[in-house]
Structures are given as structure tokens and as C-alpha cells.
Amino acid sequence: MDLVEIKWPGPRITTRKPKYDNRSGDRVQNNMHKFTLPRCTVTGPTDPVPYSHFASGSIPRKCSSCSMLFEGGCRRDASETIPYRHLDHGPCPIKGPQHPVQYEDSFVVSKVSIPAKCRECNHLRSDLSRGFHCRLDSNIWGSFPRSLDWGIWSPERPDLLLDSGRSLNQEFLAAVERADQAESIRVFRLLHPDSTIKEAREAFIELAAKL
């Protein structure tokens, strides 16, 4: 299907026909901080250096010699559900609150958590491979754009994976904390449409034991 750039008053969203829907929580996670956190602990300069991998652009200098670099992404804390994370471009120069807010519009059919300051920013973009990201200085970074800037914010609840490798979202965690099995099953099956009620119930039991 052809890529379509939709122009409207606000952030420009690149999507595909039909409307992009990430309610299943697959490649583009509902909580975009999972592509940034845990934060990079490698110190070094973040000025751009040329880089290419099936596309051309630039990456932060400290990443160019890092063993965690993989195909323009970072393998820190890699998992089956998130094989690589966004590179660390340093702080965004645009000031504003960085706590998560829900993002939804007529083209993105789901509620996605992004930093508050990014919601109305003209540099906000989305695609199926990177999820939501920043196109600030796109003439410099090219095909390897900046990640969203979460600042010092961290989630109150941990991001956990099941032993099966299935990902979980904050809504599921909250339901388990309330011991609401019915709601946790509903959320789990919405997050993973191919799952069964039995698997969802086992996920509830497994996570309850971990918390």
C-alpha cells in the first residue's frame, strides 16, 4: 500500500491506507517511551556523523563507535518484542513538559503516550517502523531521525515482559494491581488479538506473582 502524507492543522502524520491502527500494541508500541527507556548510559558527543544502512543520514557521534549500534538503532536492553531502541540524540532544544499524554487523532486510531510537549509540535511524525519520532533537523539526521525527548521522566510502574516474551502495557499492569482479572483479560486480548482467554488468565496470574 502506498504511503500517504496527510496535511492538516497540527503535526503532519505519515500513514498508510487504510487508517493506521495500533490498538493491538504491535510494532509501534502504545507507550512510546519503550523505544527510549532504559536510557543510554554511554557518555560522549552527540553531534551528527554520516551513517548509512539501506538509507543515508547521520547518527550521534558516540553511537558510531558503540558496540550496541545495529542498523541505525540501539541494542541496549533488547528483547523479542523490542529488538532495538532509538539512539540517544541528547536533549531536545524545544522546552516544555515531558510527562506522558495520550495522543489520538482521526488518522491514528489509538491512544498513544508521548511527551506532553511533543503533542502539538510541528516536528512530530509517525511511521510503522519507528513509531512516533521527531523530525527536528531532518536535513541533518536524514533517515535516522531523533527520538522523542522524555527528559528525566520515568514510568511509575515497571515495563514487564511475560516469560513467553509477550509485551504488556500500563493499563494491564494497573488492572493486575487492582486484582481485576476480568479487566486484565480484556486488556490483554486487545493488546494481543491472537491470544486466548486461557493465555490472558495465565498472564494475569504470572504478573500478579511478579508484582
Protein backbone atom coordinates (compact mmCIF):
# COMPACT_ATOMS: atom_id res chain seq x y z
CA MET A 1 0.00 0.00 0.00
CA ASP A 2 1.26 3.49 -0.82
CA LEU A 3 2.47 5.84 1.87
CA VAL A 4 0.24 8.87 2.25
CA GLU A 5 1.23 12.16 3.85
CA ILE A 6 -1.81 13.75 5.43
CA LYS A 7 -1.73 17.53 5.76
CA TRP A 8 -3.86 19.14 8.46
CA PRO A 9 -3.52 21.87 11.14
CA GLY A 10 -1.07 20.24 13.53
CA PRO A 11 1.64 17.59 13.39
CA ARG A 12 1.96 16.02 9.95
CA ILE A 13 1.33 12.28 10.14
CA THR A 14 2.58 9.82 7.54
CA THR A 15 0.42 6.75 7.43
CA ARG A 16 -0.89 4.10 5.07
CA LYS A 17 -4.26 3.26 3.58
CA PRO A 18 -6.37 2.14 5.32
CA LYS A 19 -6.12 4.16 8.53
CA TYR A 20 -3.25 3.11 10.74
CA ASP A 21 -4.48 1.27 13.84
CA ASN A 22 -2.04 0.24 16.59
CA ARG A 23 -4.57 -0.79 19.22
CA SER A 24 -3.06 -4.27 19.11
CA GLY A 25 0.15 -2.84 20.56
CA ASP A 26 2.33 -4.50 17.92
CA ARG A 27 5.36 -2.90 16.24
CA VAL A 28 4.53 0.67 17.23
CA GLN A 29 4.02 0.45 20.98
CA ASN A 30 1.18 2.32 22.66
CA ASN A 31 3.74 3.63 25.14
CA MET A 32 6.44 5.24 23.04
CA HIS A 33 8.83 5.54 25.99
CA LYS A 34 9.64 1.85 25.50
CA PHE A 35 11.72 2.85 22.49
CA THR A 36 13.78 5.26 24.63
CA LEU A 37 13.88 3.71 28.11
CA PRO A 38 16.02 2.40 29.64
CA ARG A 39 18.15 5.42 28.84
CA CYS A 40 21.55 5.17 27.22
CA THR A 41 24.35 5.20 29.81
CA VAL A 42 27.16 5.74 27.31
CA THR A 43 28.71 9.20 27.53
CA GLY A 44 30.15 11.06 24.59
CA PRO A 45 29.43 13.71 21.95
CA THR A 46 26.09 13.61 20.15
CA ASP A 47 26.95 15.78 17.15
CA PRO A 48 25.96 14.14 13.84
CA VAL A 49 28.31 11.91 11.84
CA PRO A 50 27.39 10.37 8.46
CA TYR A 51 25.86 6.90 8.52
CA SER A 52 24.16 4.64 6.01
CA HIS A 53 22.28 1.35 6.14
CA PHE A 54 19.92 0.91 3.19
CA ALA A 55 19.39 4.66 3.62
CA SER A 56 21.55 7.69 4.32
CA GLY A 57 21.70 10.24 7.08
CA SER A 58 23.55 10.85 10.32
CA ILE A 59 23.72 9.36 13.81
CA PRO A 60 25.14 10.75 17.09
CA ARG A 61 28.94 10.53 17.16
CA LYS A 62 29.03 8.48 20.38
CA CYS A 63 26.80 5.87 18.71
CA SER A 64 29.03 5.48 15.65
CA SER A 65 31.69 3.58 17.62
CA CYS A 66 29.36 1.87 20.12
CA SER A 67 29.01 -1.92 20.12
CA MET A 68 25.26 -1.52 20.73
CA LEU A 69 24.69 0.14 17.33
CA PHE A 70 22.67 -2.06 14.99
CA GLU A 71 21.18 -0.99 11.67
CA GLY A 72 20.71 2.57 12.85
CA GLY A 73 19.18 1.55 16.18
CA CYS A 74 20.47 0.63 19.63
CA ARG A 75 20.51 -2.92 21.05
CA ARG A 76 20.52 -1.82 24.71
CA ASP A 77 18.14 -3.99 26.72
CA ALA A 78 16.99 -5.67 23.51
CA SER A 79 14.09 -8.11 23.71
CA GLU A 80 11.98 -10.21 21.38
CA THR A 81 9.26 -7.58 21.27
CA ILE A 82 11.60 -4.57 21.01
CA PRO A 83 14.75 -5.77 19.19
CA TYR A 84 16.34 -2.33 19.21
CA ARG A 85 15.69 1.13 20.65
CA HIS A 86 16.12 4.66 19.40
CA LEU A 87 19.54 6.26 19.51
CA ASP A 88 20.35 8.94 22.07
CA HIS A 89 20.48 12.31 20.31
CA GLY A 90 20.69 14.28 23.54
CA PRO A 91 18.03 16.69 24.88
CA CYS A 92 15.60 18.43 22.56
CA PRO A 93 16.18 22.21 22.41
CA ILE A 94 12.42 22.85 22.48
CA LYS A 95 11.32 23.37 26.08
CA GLY A 96 8.14 22.03 27.60
CA PRO A 97 6.64 19.39 29.92
CA GLN A 98 7.78 15.82 29.29
CA HIS A 99 5.26 13.73 31.22
CA PRO A 100 3.26 11.32 29.03
CA VAL A 101 -0.02 12.39 27.48
CA GLN A 102 -2.43 10.47 25.28
CA TYR A 103 -2.28 11.20 21.56
CA GLU A 104 -5.15 10.40 19.25
CA ASP A 105 -6.46 11.92 16.06
CA SER A 106 -8.64 10.95 13.12
CA PHE A 107 -5.70 9.26 11.37
CA VAL A 108 -4.07 7.38 14.26
CA VAL A 109 -6.82 5.15 15.63
CA SER A 110 -5.47 4.56 19.15
CA LYS A 111 -4.29 6.39 22.22
CA VAL A 112 -0.52 6.64 22.25
CA SER A 113 1.59 8.01 25.11
CA ILE A 114 4.09 10.67 24.03
CA PRO A 115 5.81 13.56 25.89
CA ALA A 116 3.37 16.41 26.53
CA LYS A 117 5.49 18.98 24.72
CA CYS A 118 5.50 16.83 21.55
CA ARG A 119 1.72 16.61 21.17
CA GLU A 120 1.33 19.94 19.38
CA CYS A 121 4.86 20.14 17.97
CA ASN A 122 5.22 20.54 14.21
CA HIS A 123 8.22 18.18 14.24
CA LEU A 124 6.19 15.18 15.45
CA ARG A 125 5.97 12.37 12.89
CA SER A 126 4.90 8.74 12.83
CA ASP A 127 5.60 5.73 10.66
CA LEU A 128 5.16 1.98 11.01
CA SER A 129 8.85 1.16 11.59
CA ARG A 130 9.87 3.86 14.11
CA GLY A 131 6.57 4.77 15.67
CA PHE A 132 6.37 8.39 16.81
CA HIS A 133 9.62 10.29 16.40
CA CYS A 134 10.99 13.79 15.92
CA ARG A 135 11.90 15.36 12.57
CA LEU A 136 13.73 18.33 14.06
CA ASP A 137 16.86 18.97 11.95
CA SER A 138 15.72 16.33 9.48
CA ASN A 139 18.09 17.83 6.93
CA ILE A 140 20.93 16.67 9.18
CA TRP A 141 19.70 13.32 10.53
CA GLY A 142 18.03 12.15 7.32
CA SER A 143 16.71 8.60 7.56
CA PHE A 144 17.80 8.24 11.22
CA PRO A 145 15.61 10.83 13.00
CA ARG A 146 15.68 11.98 16.58
CA SER A 147 13.73 10.08 19.21
CA LEU A 148 11.15 11.81 21.40
CA ASP A 149 12.61 13.64 24.40
CA TRP A 150 11.30 12.21 27.70
CA GLY A 151 13.73 14.24 29.82
CA ILE A 152 14.03 12.86 33.36
CA TRP A 153 10.54 11.31 33.36
CA SER A 154 10.28 7.58 34.14
CA PRO A 155 7.16 5.41 34.41
CA GLU A 156 5.75 4.83 37.89
CA ARG A 157 5.18 1.16 37.09
CA PRO A 158 7.84 -1.11 35.58
CA ASP A 159 7.59 -2.27 31.99
CA LEU A 160 7.44 -6.04 32.31
CA LEU A 161 7.54 -8.88 29.84
CA LEU A 162 5.95 -12.26 30.35
CA ASP A 163 8.10 -15.37 30.26
CA SER A 164 6.58 -16.01 26.82
CA GLY A 165 8.01 -12.72 25.55
CA ARG A 166 4.59 -11.08 25.23
CA SER A 167 4.65 -7.36 25.95
CA LEU A 168 2.40 -5.69 28.50
CA ASN A 169 1.10 -2.15 28.74
CA GLN A 170 0.44 0.11 31.72
CA GLU A 171 -3.32 -0.50 31.51
CA PHE A 172 -2.77 -4.22 32.03
CA LEU A 173 -0.37 -3.59 34.92
CA ALA A 174 -2.91 -1.31 36.59
CA ALA A 175 -5.65 -3.96 36.28
CA VAL A 176 -3.39 -6.59 37.86
CA GLU A 177 -2.51 -4.21 40.70
CA ARG A 178 -6.26 -3.80 41.36
CA ALA A 179 -6.64 -7.61 41.24
CA ASP A 180 -9.20 -7.07 38.46
CA GLN A 181 -8.81 -10.28 36.49
CA ALA A 182 -11.71 -9.63 34.14
CA GLU A 183 -10.34 -6.25 33.09
CA SER A 184 -6.81 -7.60 32.72
CA ILE A 185 -8.10 -10.34 30.40
CA ARG A 186 -9.96 -7.75 28.31
CA VAL A 187 -6.88 -5.54 28.02
CA PHE A 188 -4.55 -8.44 27.27
CA ARG A 189 -6.71 -9.73 24.43
CA LEU A 190 -7.00 -6.23 22.98
CA LEU A 191 -3.20 -5.91 23.16
CA HIS A 192 -2.70 -9.39 21.64
CA PRO A 193 -5.72 -10.24 19.41
CA ASP A 194 -4.35 -13.72 18.66
CA SER A 195 -4.33 -14.69 22.36
CA THR A 196 -6.84 -16.92 24.13
CA ILE A 197 -8.74 -16.32 27.36
CA LYS A 198 -6.63 -19.04 28.97
CA GLU A 199 -3.40 -17.29 27.99
CA ALA A 200 -4.74 -13.95 29.24
CA ARG A 201 -5.72 -15.50 32.57
CA GLU A 202 -2.26 -17.12 32.89
CA ALA A 203 -0.68 -13.74 32.13
CA PHE A 204 -2.67 -12.20 34.97
CA ILE A 205 -1.50 -14.91 37.38
CA GLU A 206 2.15 -14.67 36.26
CA LEU A 207 2.32 -10.90 36.57
CA ALA A 208 0.49 -10.86 39.90
CA ALA A 209 3.22 -13.13 41.25
CA LYS A 210 5.94 -10.77 40.00
CA LEU A 211 4.49 -7.56 41.44
